[in-house]
N, C-alpha and C. Protein backbone atom coordinates (compact mmCIF):
# COMPACT_ATOMS: atom_id res chain seq x y z
N MET A 1 35.30 -70.52 -3.87
CA MET A 1 34.35 -69.56 -3.63
C MET A 1 34.23 -68.12 -3.87
N LYS A 2 33.28 -67.51 -4.80
CA LYS A 2 33.46 -66.17 -4.92
C LYS A 2 32.16 -65.66 -4.62
N ILE A 3 32.34 -64.47 -3.88
CA ILE A 3 31.52 -63.66 -3.12
C ILE A 3 31.34 -62.46 -4.20
N ARG A 4 30.16 -62.10 -4.57
CA ARG A 4 30.11 -60.97 -5.44
C ARG A 4 28.96 -60.15 -4.91
N ALA A 5 28.34 -59.13 -5.58
CA ALA A 5 26.90 -58.41 -5.40
C ALA A 5 25.97 -59.13 -5.96
N ALA A 6 25.03 -59.27 -5.57
CA ALA A 6 23.78 -59.96 -6.08
C ALA A 6 23.44 -59.08 -7.48
N THR A 7 22.70 -59.58 -8.17
CA THR A 7 22.14 -59.23 -9.38
C THR A 7 20.64 -59.38 -9.57
N LYS A 8 19.71 -59.24 -10.50
CA LYS A 8 18.29 -59.48 -10.71
C LYS A 8 18.29 -60.62 -10.76
N ALA A 9 19.12 -61.39 -11.54
CA ALA A 9 19.21 -62.87 -11.79
C ALA A 9 19.30 -63.93 -10.86
N ASP A 10 19.84 -63.29 -9.57
CA ASP A 10 19.93 -64.21 -8.39
C ASP A 10 18.73 -64.40 -7.40
N MET A 11 17.58 -63.33 -7.99
CA MET A 11 16.72 -63.19 -6.74
C MET A 11 15.77 -64.43 -6.70
N ALA A 12 15.52 -65.46 -7.47
CA ALA A 12 14.83 -66.54 -7.32
C ALA A 12 15.51 -67.47 -6.45
N GLN A 13 17.05 -67.51 -6.60
CA GLN A 13 17.68 -68.41 -5.74
C GLN A 13 18.06 -68.06 -4.26
N ILE A 14 18.16 -66.66 -4.40
CA ILE A 14 18.30 -66.14 -2.89
C ILE A 14 17.06 -66.35 -2.11
N PHE A 15 15.73 -66.03 -2.67
CA PHE A 15 14.32 -66.46 -2.21
C PHE A 15 14.42 -68.06 -1.68
N GLN A 16 14.78 -68.95 -2.54
CA GLN A 16 14.99 -70.46 -2.13
C GLN A 16 15.70 -70.48 -0.94
N LEU A 17 17.02 -69.93 -0.99
CA LEU A 17 17.91 -70.20 0.28
C LEU A 17 17.15 -69.47 1.51
N GLU A 18 16.39 -68.46 1.19
CA GLU A 18 15.96 -67.85 2.55
C GLU A 18 14.70 -68.53 3.13
N GLN A 19 13.79 -69.42 2.19
CA GLN A 19 12.77 -70.38 2.47
C GLN A 19 13.29 -71.37 3.35
N ALA A 20 14.31 -72.06 2.52
CA ALA A 20 14.87 -73.10 3.28
C ALA A 20 15.46 -72.88 4.72
N ALA A 21 15.99 -71.82 4.91
CA ALA A 21 16.70 -71.66 6.30
C ALA A 21 15.47 -70.96 7.26
N PHE A 22 14.65 -70.42 6.68
CA PHE A 22 13.87 -69.70 8.08
C PHE A 22 12.26 -69.81 7.75
N GLY A 23 11.84 -71.00 6.62
CA GLY A 23 10.61 -71.21 6.60
C GLY A 23 9.33 -70.32 6.87
N ALA A 24 8.38 -70.39 7.83
CA ALA A 24 7.44 -69.64 7.89
C ALA A 24 7.90 -67.92 8.22
N HIS A 25 9.27 -67.84 8.76
CA HIS A 25 9.49 -66.53 9.21
C HIS A 25 10.73 -65.88 8.04
N CYS A 26 10.29 -66.26 7.07
CA CYS A 26 11.22 -65.77 5.81
C CYS A 26 11.23 -64.62 5.19
N TYR A 27 11.67 -63.64 4.70
CA TYR A 27 11.41 -62.53 4.09
C TYR A 27 10.57 -62.84 2.88
N PRO A 28 9.44 -61.85 2.36
CA PRO A 28 8.98 -62.19 1.13
C PRO A 28 9.74 -62.07 -0.04
N ASP A 29 9.66 -62.56 -1.03
CA ASP A 29 10.45 -62.61 -2.06
C ASP A 29 10.82 -61.49 -2.84
N PHE A 30 9.55 -60.37 -2.87
CA PHE A 30 9.73 -59.03 -3.26
C PHE A 30 10.59 -58.03 -2.58
N LEU A 31 10.89 -58.37 -1.29
CA LEU A 31 11.75 -57.56 -0.40
C LEU A 31 13.13 -57.80 -0.87
N PHE A 32 13.50 -58.74 -1.29
CA PHE A 32 15.03 -59.00 -1.76
C PHE A 32 15.07 -57.80 -3.15
N ARG A 33 14.13 -58.02 -3.90
CA ARG A 33 14.31 -56.98 -5.17
C ARG A 33 14.47 -55.69 -4.45
N GLN A 34 13.54 -55.03 -3.73
CA GLN A 34 13.60 -53.93 -3.12
C GLN A 34 14.79 -53.62 -2.63
N LEU A 35 15.46 -54.78 -1.93
CA LEU A 35 16.71 -54.31 -1.00
C LEU A 35 17.80 -54.20 -2.21
N LEU A 36 17.94 -54.89 -3.17
CA LEU A 36 18.58 -54.71 -4.37
C LEU A 36 18.68 -53.30 -5.00
N ASP A 37 17.40 -52.68 -4.85
CA ASP A 37 17.40 -51.27 -5.17
C ASP A 37 17.86 -50.48 -4.37
N LEU A 38 17.73 -50.94 -2.92
CA LEU A 38 17.94 -49.71 -1.81
C LEU A 38 19.64 -49.81 -1.34
N TRP A 39 19.88 -51.09 -1.32
CA TRP A 39 21.25 -51.31 -1.01
C TRP A 39 22.23 -52.47 -1.81
N PRO A 40 22.31 -52.00 -3.07
CA PRO A 40 22.84 -53.04 -3.64
C PRO A 40 24.37 -53.71 -3.57
N HIS A 41 25.05 -52.97 -2.94
CA HIS A 41 26.33 -53.21 -2.12
C HIS A 41 26.22 -53.99 -0.97
N TYR A 42 25.17 -54.05 -0.33
CA TYR A 42 24.97 -54.90 0.80
C TYR A 42 24.08 -56.17 0.73
N LEU A 43 23.99 -56.44 -0.53
CA LEU A 43 23.11 -57.59 -0.84
C LEU A 43 24.19 -58.57 -1.54
N LEU A 44 24.95 -59.38 -0.92
CA LEU A 44 25.86 -60.30 -1.38
C LEU A 44 25.64 -61.74 -1.50
N VAL A 45 25.96 -62.39 -2.64
CA VAL A 45 25.94 -63.80 -2.65
C VAL A 45 27.33 -64.45 -2.81
N ALA A 46 27.20 -65.80 -2.52
CA ALA A 46 28.46 -66.78 -2.59
C ALA A 46 28.03 -67.75 -3.73
N GLU A 47 28.98 -67.94 -4.58
CA GLU A 47 28.88 -69.00 -5.69
C GLU A 47 29.57 -69.99 -5.44
N HIS A 48 28.88 -71.23 -5.57
CA HIS A 48 29.36 -72.56 -5.46
C HIS A 48 30.61 -72.99 -6.09
N ASP A 49 31.33 -73.70 -5.69
CA ASP A 49 32.61 -73.99 -6.20
C ASP A 49 32.58 -75.43 -7.21
N ARG A 50 31.48 -76.02 -7.01
CA ARG A 50 31.37 -77.22 -7.56
C ARG A 50 29.81 -77.27 -8.41
N ALA A 51 29.31 -78.38 -9.35
CA ALA A 51 28.18 -78.17 -9.78
C ALA A 51 27.33 -78.56 -8.80
N CYS A 52 26.21 -77.85 -8.37
CA CYS A 52 25.04 -77.98 -7.49
C CYS A 52 23.84 -78.01 -8.23
N ASN A 53 22.69 -77.97 -7.51
CA ASN A 53 21.27 -77.68 -8.08
C ASN A 53 21.26 -76.08 -8.16
N SER A 54 22.00 -75.76 -7.53
CA SER A 54 21.84 -73.80 -7.44
C SER A 54 23.15 -73.65 -7.46
N SER A 55 23.44 -72.39 -8.26
CA SER A 55 24.52 -71.79 -8.73
C SER A 55 25.22 -71.00 -7.42
N LEU A 56 24.22 -70.82 -6.23
CA LEU A 56 24.42 -69.95 -5.23
C LEU A 56 24.50 -70.74 -3.92
N ALA A 57 25.86 -70.82 -3.21
CA ALA A 57 25.77 -71.30 -1.86
C ALA A 57 25.37 -70.43 -0.61
N GLY A 58 25.20 -69.35 -0.89
CA GLY A 58 24.79 -68.60 0.06
C GLY A 58 24.49 -67.05 -0.19
N PHE A 59 23.82 -66.49 0.94
CA PHE A 59 23.84 -64.82 0.57
C PHE A 59 23.57 -64.23 2.06
N VAL A 60 23.76 -62.83 1.93
CA VAL A 60 23.74 -62.00 3.38
C VAL A 60 23.28 -60.87 2.67
N VAL A 61 22.47 -60.22 3.66
CA VAL A 61 21.93 -58.79 3.32
C VAL A 61 22.02 -57.98 4.49
N GLY A 62 22.43 -56.46 4.18
CA GLY A 62 22.35 -55.64 5.31
C GLY A 62 21.75 -54.37 4.89
N GLY A 63 21.81 -53.38 5.94
CA GLY A 63 21.57 -52.10 5.43
C GLY A 63 21.96 -51.17 6.57
N ILE A 64 21.68 -50.01 6.20
CA ILE A 64 21.83 -48.85 7.13
C ILE A 64 20.65 -48.56 7.93
N GLY A 65 20.47 -47.98 9.27
CA GLY A 65 19.58 -47.57 10.17
C GLY A 65 19.48 -46.59 9.93
N GLU A 66 18.59 -45.87 10.68
CA GLU A 66 18.16 -44.37 10.70
C GLU A 66 19.22 -43.59 10.74
N SER A 67 20.23 -43.98 11.85
CA SER A 67 21.56 -43.14 11.81
C SER A 67 22.62 -43.83 10.66
N ARG A 68 23.35 -43.21 9.87
CA ARG A 68 24.05 -43.60 9.24
C ARG A 68 25.41 -44.56 9.81
N HIS A 69 25.06 -44.24 11.06
CA HIS A 69 26.32 -45.15 11.98
C HIS A 69 25.89 -46.29 12.37
N GLN A 70 24.70 -47.01 12.33
CA GLN A 70 23.93 -48.08 12.75
C GLN A 70 24.04 -48.85 11.30
N GLY A 71 24.58 -50.25 11.34
CA GLY A 71 24.26 -50.96 10.40
C GLY A 71 23.31 -52.32 10.77
N TRP A 72 22.75 -52.95 9.94
CA TRP A 72 22.13 -54.07 10.47
C TRP A 72 22.20 -55.26 9.39
N ILE A 73 22.41 -56.48 10.18
CA ILE A 73 22.45 -57.64 9.17
C ILE A 73 21.04 -58.40 9.45
N MET A 74 20.38 -58.15 7.95
CA MET A 74 19.13 -58.71 8.03
C MET A 74 18.70 -60.07 7.74
N SER A 75 19.52 -60.62 6.98
CA SER A 75 19.55 -62.18 6.86
C SER A 75 20.72 -62.65 6.17
N LEU A 76 20.96 -63.74 6.76
CA LEU A 76 21.92 -64.55 6.16
C LEU A 76 21.73 -66.28 6.08
N ALA A 77 21.86 -66.54 4.88
CA ALA A 77 21.69 -68.14 4.53
C ALA A 77 22.54 -68.79 3.94
N VAL A 78 22.78 -69.95 3.98
CA VAL A 78 23.71 -70.94 3.46
C VAL A 78 23.02 -72.30 2.93
N ASP A 79 23.32 -72.62 1.93
CA ASP A 79 22.95 -73.80 1.24
C ASP A 79 23.08 -74.91 2.24
N GLU A 80 22.00 -75.64 2.60
CA GLU A 80 22.37 -76.89 3.60
C GLU A 80 23.41 -77.86 3.30
N GLN A 81 23.67 -77.95 2.01
CA GLN A 81 24.61 -79.00 1.45
C GLN A 81 26.06 -78.40 1.87
N VAL A 82 26.22 -77.22 2.16
CA VAL A 82 27.69 -76.57 2.23
C VAL A 82 27.92 -76.01 3.58
N ARG A 83 26.99 -76.01 4.44
CA ARG A 83 27.07 -75.71 6.08
C ARG A 83 28.07 -76.01 6.61
N GLY A 84 28.83 -75.17 7.19
CA GLY A 84 30.06 -75.70 7.89
C GLY A 84 31.40 -75.35 7.10
N ALA A 85 31.10 -75.05 5.84
CA ALA A 85 32.56 -74.67 5.21
C ALA A 85 33.17 -73.45 5.32
N GLY A 86 32.61 -72.72 6.02
CA GLY A 86 33.01 -71.27 6.15
C GLY A 86 32.44 -70.16 5.08
N ILE A 87 31.29 -70.43 4.50
CA ILE A 87 30.65 -69.70 3.74
C ILE A 87 29.93 -68.76 4.41
N GLY A 88 29.18 -69.05 5.20
CA GLY A 88 28.63 -67.74 6.12
C GLY A 88 29.30 -66.86 6.70
N LYS A 89 30.57 -67.31 7.30
CA LYS A 89 31.55 -66.48 7.77
C LYS A 89 32.06 -65.57 6.67
N ALA A 90 32.36 -66.07 5.81
CA ALA A 90 32.90 -65.31 4.66
C ALA A 90 32.13 -64.18 4.07
N LEU A 91 30.86 -64.72 3.93
CA LEU A 91 29.81 -63.68 3.51
C LEU A 91 29.61 -62.57 4.61
N LEU A 92 29.61 -62.94 5.94
CA LEU A 92 28.99 -62.19 6.99
C LEU A 92 30.39 -61.09 6.77
N GLN A 93 31.63 -61.61 7.24
CA GLN A 93 32.71 -60.85 6.88
C GLN A 93 32.92 -59.67 6.18
N THR A 94 32.50 -60.13 4.71
CA THR A 94 32.76 -59.09 3.67
C THR A 94 31.55 -58.19 3.99
N LEU A 95 30.68 -58.63 4.39
CA LEU A 95 29.44 -57.59 4.58
C LEU A 95 29.84 -56.50 5.70
N LEU A 96 30.39 -57.10 7.00
CA LEU A 96 30.74 -56.36 7.98
C LEU A 96 31.98 -55.45 7.55
N ASP A 97 32.92 -56.08 6.65
CA ASP A 97 33.75 -54.79 6.06
C ASP A 97 33.37 -54.08 5.37
N LYS A 98 32.19 -53.95 4.48
CA LYS A 98 31.66 -52.99 3.86
C LYS A 98 30.87 -51.87 4.76
N LEU A 99 30.01 -52.32 5.44
CA LEU A 99 29.30 -51.59 6.56
C LEU A 99 30.54 -50.72 7.02
N SER A 100 31.36 -51.24 7.76
CA SER A 100 32.35 -50.58 8.48
C SER A 100 32.90 -49.34 7.74
N ALA A 101 33.48 -49.94 6.55
CA ALA A 101 33.91 -48.96 5.79
C ALA A 101 33.25 -47.81 5.19
N ASP A 102 31.88 -47.95 5.36
CA ASP A 102 30.84 -46.91 4.85
C ASP A 102 30.24 -45.92 6.31
N GLY A 103 30.98 -46.15 7.48
CA GLY A 103 31.06 -45.52 8.62
C GLY A 103 30.02 -46.06 9.76
N CYS A 104 29.61 -47.25 9.61
CA CYS A 104 28.66 -48.01 10.77
C CYS A 104 29.96 -48.27 11.76
N GLN A 105 29.41 -47.71 13.01
CA GLN A 105 30.35 -47.82 13.92
C GLN A 105 29.43 -48.76 15.19
N GLN A 106 28.38 -49.20 15.02
CA GLN A 106 27.53 -50.29 15.53
C GLN A 106 27.02 -50.95 14.48
N ILE A 107 26.77 -52.43 14.25
CA ILE A 107 26.15 -53.12 13.57
C ILE A 107 25.44 -54.19 14.53
N ARG A 108 24.00 -54.22 14.16
CA ARG A 108 23.36 -55.13 14.88
C ARG A 108 22.49 -56.47 13.97
N LEU A 109 22.28 -57.35 14.49
CA LEU A 109 21.39 -58.43 14.20
C LEU A 109 20.71 -58.88 15.32
N THR A 110 19.52 -60.06 14.58
CA THR A 110 18.62 -60.53 15.63
C THR A 110 18.88 -62.12 15.09
N VAL A 111 18.89 -62.96 16.33
CA VAL A 111 19.14 -64.40 16.06
C VAL A 111 18.12 -65.09 17.22
N HIS A 112 17.52 -66.21 16.73
CA HIS A 112 16.67 -66.89 17.80
C HIS A 112 17.75 -67.54 18.64
N PRO A 113 16.97 -67.75 20.21
CA PRO A 113 17.97 -68.30 20.77
C PRO A 113 18.74 -69.61 20.60
N ASP A 114 18.10 -70.41 19.88
CA ASP A 114 18.63 -71.81 19.50
C ASP A 114 19.07 -71.75 18.34
N ASN A 115 19.37 -70.83 17.58
CA ASN A 115 20.15 -70.94 16.22
C ASN A 115 21.53 -70.86 16.37
N ARG A 116 22.11 -72.06 15.84
CA ARG A 116 23.57 -72.22 16.06
C ARG A 116 24.35 -71.17 15.19
N ALA A 117 23.89 -70.63 14.62
CA ALA A 117 24.86 -69.51 13.89
C ALA A 117 25.13 -68.36 14.83
N ALA A 118 24.36 -68.35 16.16
CA ALA A 118 24.91 -67.34 17.11
C ALA A 118 26.38 -67.61 17.55
N GLY A 119 26.73 -68.67 17.24
CA GLY A 119 28.53 -68.99 17.61
C GLY A 119 29.36 -68.26 16.36
N LEU A 120 28.91 -68.23 15.45
CA LEU A 120 29.40 -67.51 14.08
C LEU A 120 29.27 -66.06 14.65
N TYR A 121 28.34 -65.77 14.84
CA TYR A 121 28.26 -63.91 15.27
C TYR A 121 28.89 -63.80 16.46
N HIS A 122 29.27 -64.65 17.44
CA HIS A 122 30.33 -64.38 18.78
C HIS A 122 31.37 -64.20 18.31
N ALA A 123 31.79 -65.24 17.56
CA ALA A 123 33.09 -65.39 16.90
C ALA A 123 33.80 -64.21 16.03
N LEU A 124 32.79 -63.40 15.68
CA LEU A 124 32.94 -62.28 14.55
C LEU A 124 32.89 -60.95 15.42
N GLY A 125 32.57 -61.27 16.97
CA GLY A 125 32.66 -59.82 17.47
C GLY A 125 31.35 -59.33 18.07
N PHE A 126 30.33 -60.00 18.05
CA PHE A 126 28.92 -59.65 18.31
C PHE A 126 28.76 -59.93 19.78
N ILE A 127 28.17 -59.18 20.89
CA ILE A 127 27.90 -59.44 22.00
C ILE A 127 26.18 -59.08 22.13
N HIS A 128 25.77 -60.01 23.16
CA HIS A 128 24.39 -59.93 23.42
C HIS A 128 23.98 -58.38 23.95
N GLU A 129 23.12 -57.92 23.45
CA GLU A 129 22.62 -56.49 23.70
C GLU A 129 21.50 -56.63 24.38
N SER A 130 20.06 -57.60 23.97
CA SER A 130 19.02 -57.52 24.71
C SER A 130 18.45 -58.58 24.36
N THR A 131 17.40 -59.16 24.75
CA THR A 131 16.50 -60.11 24.02
C THR A 131 14.75 -59.71 24.24
N GLU A 132 14.27 -60.10 23.02
CA GLU A 132 12.79 -59.49 23.10
C GLU A 132 12.09 -60.92 23.04
N ALA A 133 11.20 -61.27 23.79
CA ALA A 133 10.31 -62.42 23.94
C ALA A 133 9.47 -62.44 22.78
N ASP A 134 8.86 -61.57 21.93
CA ASP A 134 8.09 -61.82 20.93
C ASP A 134 8.47 -60.50 19.82
N TYR A 135 9.81 -60.78 19.36
CA TYR A 135 10.16 -60.15 18.40
C TYR A 135 9.75 -60.27 17.36
N PHE A 136 9.23 -61.41 16.70
CA PHE A 136 8.52 -61.67 15.45
C PHE A 136 7.00 -62.26 15.70
N GLY A 137 6.29 -61.65 17.07
CA GLY A 137 5.13 -62.09 17.31
C GLY A 137 5.27 -62.93 18.65
N PRO A 138 3.98 -63.35 18.99
CA PRO A 138 3.85 -64.17 20.51
C PRO A 138 4.81 -65.39 20.33
N ASN A 139 5.58 -65.54 21.42
CA ASN A 139 6.50 -66.75 21.50
C ASN A 139 7.37 -67.03 20.48
N GLU A 140 7.98 -65.61 19.99
CA GLU A 140 8.97 -65.71 18.84
C GLU A 140 10.09 -64.95 19.26
N PRO A 141 10.86 -65.46 20.39
CA PRO A 141 12.02 -64.69 20.76
C PRO A 141 13.33 -64.55 19.98
N ARG A 142 13.88 -63.38 20.03
CA ARG A 142 15.16 -63.17 19.45
C ARG A 142 16.17 -62.32 20.41
N HIS A 143 17.37 -62.82 20.31
CA HIS A 143 18.39 -61.96 20.80
C HIS A 143 18.84 -61.07 19.87
N VAL A 144 19.10 -59.61 20.30
CA VAL A 144 19.66 -58.65 19.63
C VAL A 144 21.04 -58.53 19.66
N LEU A 145 21.91 -58.94 18.88
CA LEU A 145 23.36 -58.80 18.78
C LEU A 145 24.03 -57.45 18.63
N LEU A 146 24.94 -56.94 19.19
CA LEU A 146 25.79 -55.78 18.69
C LEU A 146 27.16 -55.98 18.61
N ARG A 147 27.88 -55.36 17.39
CA ARG A 147 29.21 -55.40 17.35
C ARG A 147 29.67 -54.20 17.11
N SER A 148 30.33 -53.37 17.88
CA SER A 148 30.83 -52.19 18.01
C SER A 148 32.27 -52.11 17.37
N ALA A 149 32.53 -51.11 16.53
CA ALA A 149 33.70 -50.71 15.68
C ALA A 149 34.79 -50.39 16.80
């Protein structure tokens, strides 16, 4: 598996992965193009090692908050065919390393309480900071997780 910065050519596949992972709560396709302009080194993709319908096995995107010391993980999605193979962990760790190297002392993300990825986040040092019952609207709870340097 190779992790690299995303390119314009990856936008359609990134959006397909986002839709498959998050359904109605996915980010719109144009946002990824704008994130590529804003934080190109925080939009990373993992390429498949084998022939698949898509050349991308997953992606992760993060950004810097209002304070340069606060980073955010905005989205992480892995092709359903290869989940559990360590791709999400590798993508997330690569992005965490980049954010930390750029001075982020705190990194946050949100996760639905039932999302199995929460175990990955905890394994990589995230702790529960708070819960918001209506983060994405009525009855759409999210845990806010924090990782400190």
